N, C-alpha and C. Protein backbone atom coordinates (compact mmCIF):
# COMPACT_ATOMS: atom_id res chain seq x y z
N MET A 1 44.61 -64.63 7.47
CA MET A 1 43.44 -64.32 6.72
C MET A 1 44.59 -62.95 5.89
N ARG A 2 44.17 -62.42 4.60
CA ARG A 2 44.40 -61.90 3.59
C ARG A 2 43.83 -60.52 3.76
N GLU A 3 43.47 -59.82 3.64
CA GLU A 3 42.59 -58.22 3.82
C GLU A 3 43.06 -57.92 2.24
N SER A 4 42.17 -57.40 1.61
CA SER A 4 42.18 -56.88 -0.34
C SER A 4 40.83 -55.69 -0.38
N THR A 5 41.68 -54.61 -1.16
CA THR A 5 40.68 -53.69 -1.71
C THR A 5 40.86 -53.29 -2.59
N ILE A 6 39.18 -53.17 -3.20
CA ILE A 6 39.11 -53.17 -4.28
C ILE A 6 39.13 -51.75 -4.89
N ILE A 7 39.68 -51.70 -6.08
CA ILE A 7 39.70 -49.56 -6.14
C ILE A 7 39.19 -49.28 -7.22
N PHE A 8 38.62 -48.44 -7.33
CA PHE A 8 37.95 -47.82 -8.64
C PHE A 8 38.64 -46.92 -8.80
N PRO A 9 38.53 -47.15 -10.23
CA PRO A 9 39.31 -45.11 -10.49
C PRO A 9 38.06 -44.05 -10.30
N ARG A 10 38.03 -42.85 -9.81
CA ARG A 10 36.89 -42.10 -10.15
C ARG A 10 36.88 -41.41 -10.79
N SER A 11 35.73 -41.34 -11.54
CA SER A 11 35.57 -40.60 -12.59
C SER A 11 35.38 -39.29 -12.06
N PRO A 12 35.52 -37.84 -13.22
CA PRO A 12 36.08 -36.90 -12.78
C PRO A 12 34.29 -35.89 -12.82
N GLU A 13 33.71 -36.05 -12.19
CA GLU A 13 33.02 -35.09 -11.69
C GLU A 13 32.32 -33.80 -12.56
N VAL A 14 32.31 -33.93 -13.71
CA VAL A 14 31.30 -32.53 -14.54
C VAL A 14 29.95 -31.99 -13.52
N LYS A 15 30.09 -30.42 -13.29
CA LYS A 15 29.11 -30.46 -13.06
C LYS A 15 28.12 -29.58 -14.24
N GLU A 16 27.08 -29.47 -15.09
CA GLU A 16 26.70 -29.53 -15.61
C GLU A 16 25.56 -27.89 -15.11
N HIS A 17 26.20 -26.72 -16.09
CA HIS A 17 25.63 -25.44 -15.49
C HIS A 17 24.17 -25.54 -15.98
N PRO A 18 23.26 -25.60 -14.73
CA PRO A 18 21.82 -24.99 -14.87
C PRO A 18 20.74 -24.04 -15.80
N ALA A 19 21.65 -23.45 -16.84
CA ALA A 19 21.21 -22.94 -17.89
C ALA A 19 20.84 -24.12 -18.95
N SER A 20 21.83 -24.57 -19.41
CA SER A 20 22.12 -26.19 -20.02
C SER A 20 21.65 -26.53 -20.02
N LYS A 21 20.96 -27.51 -18.24
CA LYS A 21 20.09 -28.05 -17.87
C LYS A 21 18.55 -28.25 -18.67
N LEU A 22 18.61 -26.28 -18.70
CA LEU A 22 16.95 -25.68 -18.70
C LEU A 22 17.03 -26.19 -20.48
N VAL A 23 18.42 -25.75 -21.01
CA VAL A 23 18.21 -25.79 -22.47
C VAL A 23 17.54 -26.90 -23.42
N ASN A 24 18.70 -28.13 -22.84
CA ASN A 24 18.45 -29.21 -22.82
C ASN A 24 17.31 -30.01 -22.97
N ALA A 25 16.11 -29.63 -21.77
CA ALA A 25 14.92 -29.82 -21.23
C ALA A 25 13.50 -29.63 -22.00
N TYR A 26 14.10 -28.03 -22.30
CA TYR A 26 13.51 -27.20 -23.58
C TYR A 26 13.14 -28.31 -24.88
N LYS A 27 14.34 -28.44 -25.66
CA LYS A 27 14.84 -29.05 -26.58
C LYS A 27 14.14 -29.90 -26.49
N LYS A 28 14.39 -30.84 -25.51
CA LYS A 28 13.74 -32.92 -25.83
C LYS A 28 11.61 -32.56 -25.75
N GLU A 29 11.65 -31.78 -24.69
CA GLU A 29 9.67 -31.63 -24.28
C GLU A 29 9.51 -31.04 -25.64
N ARG A 30 10.17 -29.77 -26.58
CA ARG A 30 9.51 -29.55 -27.88
C ARG A 30 9.17 -30.30 -28.83
N THR A 31 10.58 -31.17 -29.07
CA THR A 31 10.51 -32.74 -29.77
C THR A 31 9.44 -33.17 -29.09
N HIS A 32 8.70 -33.61 -28.58
CA HIS A 32 8.51 -34.36 -28.18
C HIS A 32 6.46 -33.98 -28.37
N GLN A 33 6.68 -32.39 -28.16
CA GLN A 33 5.26 -31.87 -28.27
C GLN A 33 4.97 -32.32 -29.78
N GLU A 34 6.41 -32.09 -30.72
CA GLU A 34 6.05 -32.02 -32.28
C GLU A 34 5.58 -33.18 -32.40
N ILE A 35 6.27 -34.43 -31.72
CA ILE A 35 5.67 -35.56 -32.22
C ILE A 35 4.20 -36.21 -31.99
N THR A 36 3.62 -35.16 -30.74
CA THR A 36 2.26 -35.53 -30.53
C THR A 36 1.35 -35.29 -31.29
N GLU A 37 1.99 -33.92 -31.59
CA GLU A 37 1.48 -32.38 -32.55
C GLU A 37 0.67 -33.66 -33.74
N VAL A 38 1.70 -34.06 -34.26
CA VAL A 38 1.69 -35.13 -35.80
C VAL A 38 1.06 -36.20 -36.09
N GLU A 39 1.18 -36.62 -34.46
CA GLU A 39 0.30 -38.06 -33.79
C GLU A 39 -1.23 -37.56 -34.09
N LEU A 40 -1.22 -36.22 -33.52
CA LEU A 40 -2.82 -36.30 -33.27
C LEU A 40 -3.55 -35.45 -34.41
N ASN A 41 -2.71 -35.33 -35.37
CA ASN A 41 -3.12 -34.47 -37.20
C ASN A 41 -3.23 -35.47 -37.66
N ARG A 42 -3.08 -36.75 -37.55
CA ARG A 42 -3.30 -37.96 -38.28
C ARG A 42 -4.44 -38.96 -37.82
N ALA A 43 -4.35 -38.47 -36.39
CA ALA A 43 -5.66 -38.94 -35.46
C ALA A 43 -7.43 -38.50 -37.06
N LYS A 44 -7.43 -40.06 -36.56
CA LYS A 44 -9.28 -39.97 -37.55
C LYS A 44 -10.24 -40.24 -36.32
N ILE A 45 -11.09 -39.77 -36.09
CA ILE A 45 -12.08 -39.25 -34.23
C ILE A 45 -13.11 -40.12 -35.38
N ALA A 46 -13.89 -41.21 -34.58
CA ALA A 46 -15.38 -41.59 -35.12
C ALA A 46 -16.32 -42.04 -33.62
N VAL A 47 -16.98 -41.64 -33.52
CA VAL A 47 -17.61 -41.53 -32.24
C VAL A 47 -19.39 -42.78 -32.70
N VAL A 48 -19.69 -43.30 -31.68
CA VAL A 48 -20.83 -44.18 -31.60
C VAL A 48 -21.31 -43.72 -30.91
N ASP A 49 -22.76 -43.38 -31.45
CA ASP A 49 -23.83 -42.65 -31.12
C ASP A 49 -24.81 -44.06 -30.64
N GLU A 50 -25.98 -43.70 -29.34
CA GLU A 50 -26.76 -44.86 -28.87
C GLU A 50 -27.44 -45.69 -29.39
N HIS A 51 -27.60 -45.48 -30.71
CA HIS A 51 -27.88 -45.96 -32.28
C HIS A 51 -27.27 -47.22 -33.00
N GLY A 52 -25.77 -46.99 -32.51
CA GLY A 52 -25.07 -47.98 -33.12
C GLY A 52 -24.54 -47.43 -34.39
N ASN A 53 -24.56 -46.22 -34.90
CA ASN A 53 -24.24 -44.99 -35.89
C ASN A 53 -22.89 -44.76 -35.57
N VAL A 54 -21.93 -44.60 -36.45
CA VAL A 54 -20.64 -44.31 -36.16
C VAL A 54 -20.76 -42.62 -36.94
N LYS A 55 -20.23 -41.76 -37.02
CA LYS A 55 -19.80 -40.82 -36.85
C LYS A 55 -19.05 -39.69 -37.15
N ARG A 56 -18.27 -40.47 -38.15
CA ARG A 56 -16.90 -39.13 -38.58
C ARG A 56 -16.88 -38.05 -37.87
N ILE A 57 -15.48 -37.46 -37.28
CA ILE A 57 -15.66 -36.34 -36.98
C ILE A 57 -14.11 -35.23 -37.39
N THR A 58 -14.28 -34.33 -37.80
CA THR A 58 -13.71 -33.85 -38.83
C THR A 58 -13.45 -32.83 -37.77
N ILE A 59 -11.76 -33.04 -37.58
CA ILE A 59 -11.05 -31.50 -36.91
C ILE A 59 -10.32 -30.91 -38.01
N LEU A 60 -10.86 -29.74 -37.85
CA LEU A 60 -9.34 -28.98 -38.58
C LEU A 60 -8.47 -28.02 -37.35
N ALA A 61 -7.47 -28.16 -38.78
CA ALA A 61 -5.68 -27.71 -37.31
C ALA A 61 -5.77 -26.58 -38.04
N GLU A 62 -5.38 -26.54 -36.19
CA GLU A 62 -5.47 -24.63 -35.82
C GLU A 62 -3.75 -23.58 -36.25
N HIS A 63 -3.73 -23.37 -36.99
CA HIS A 63 -2.72 -22.62 -37.20
C HIS A 63 -2.23 -21.03 -35.88
């Protein structure tokens, strides 16, 4: 019976500096927050009261 070994080349392990991980996470979350704010600014909110009347609510953009 033959024995065979499968050999995989090892990829070099690159350790990322903790500060660069924080920078990347911050940039990603900031972009996500900007997208969310834009979507909220585009939203039109309406409330239906107990009589079935639709009332539109205007939200002023804060700065």
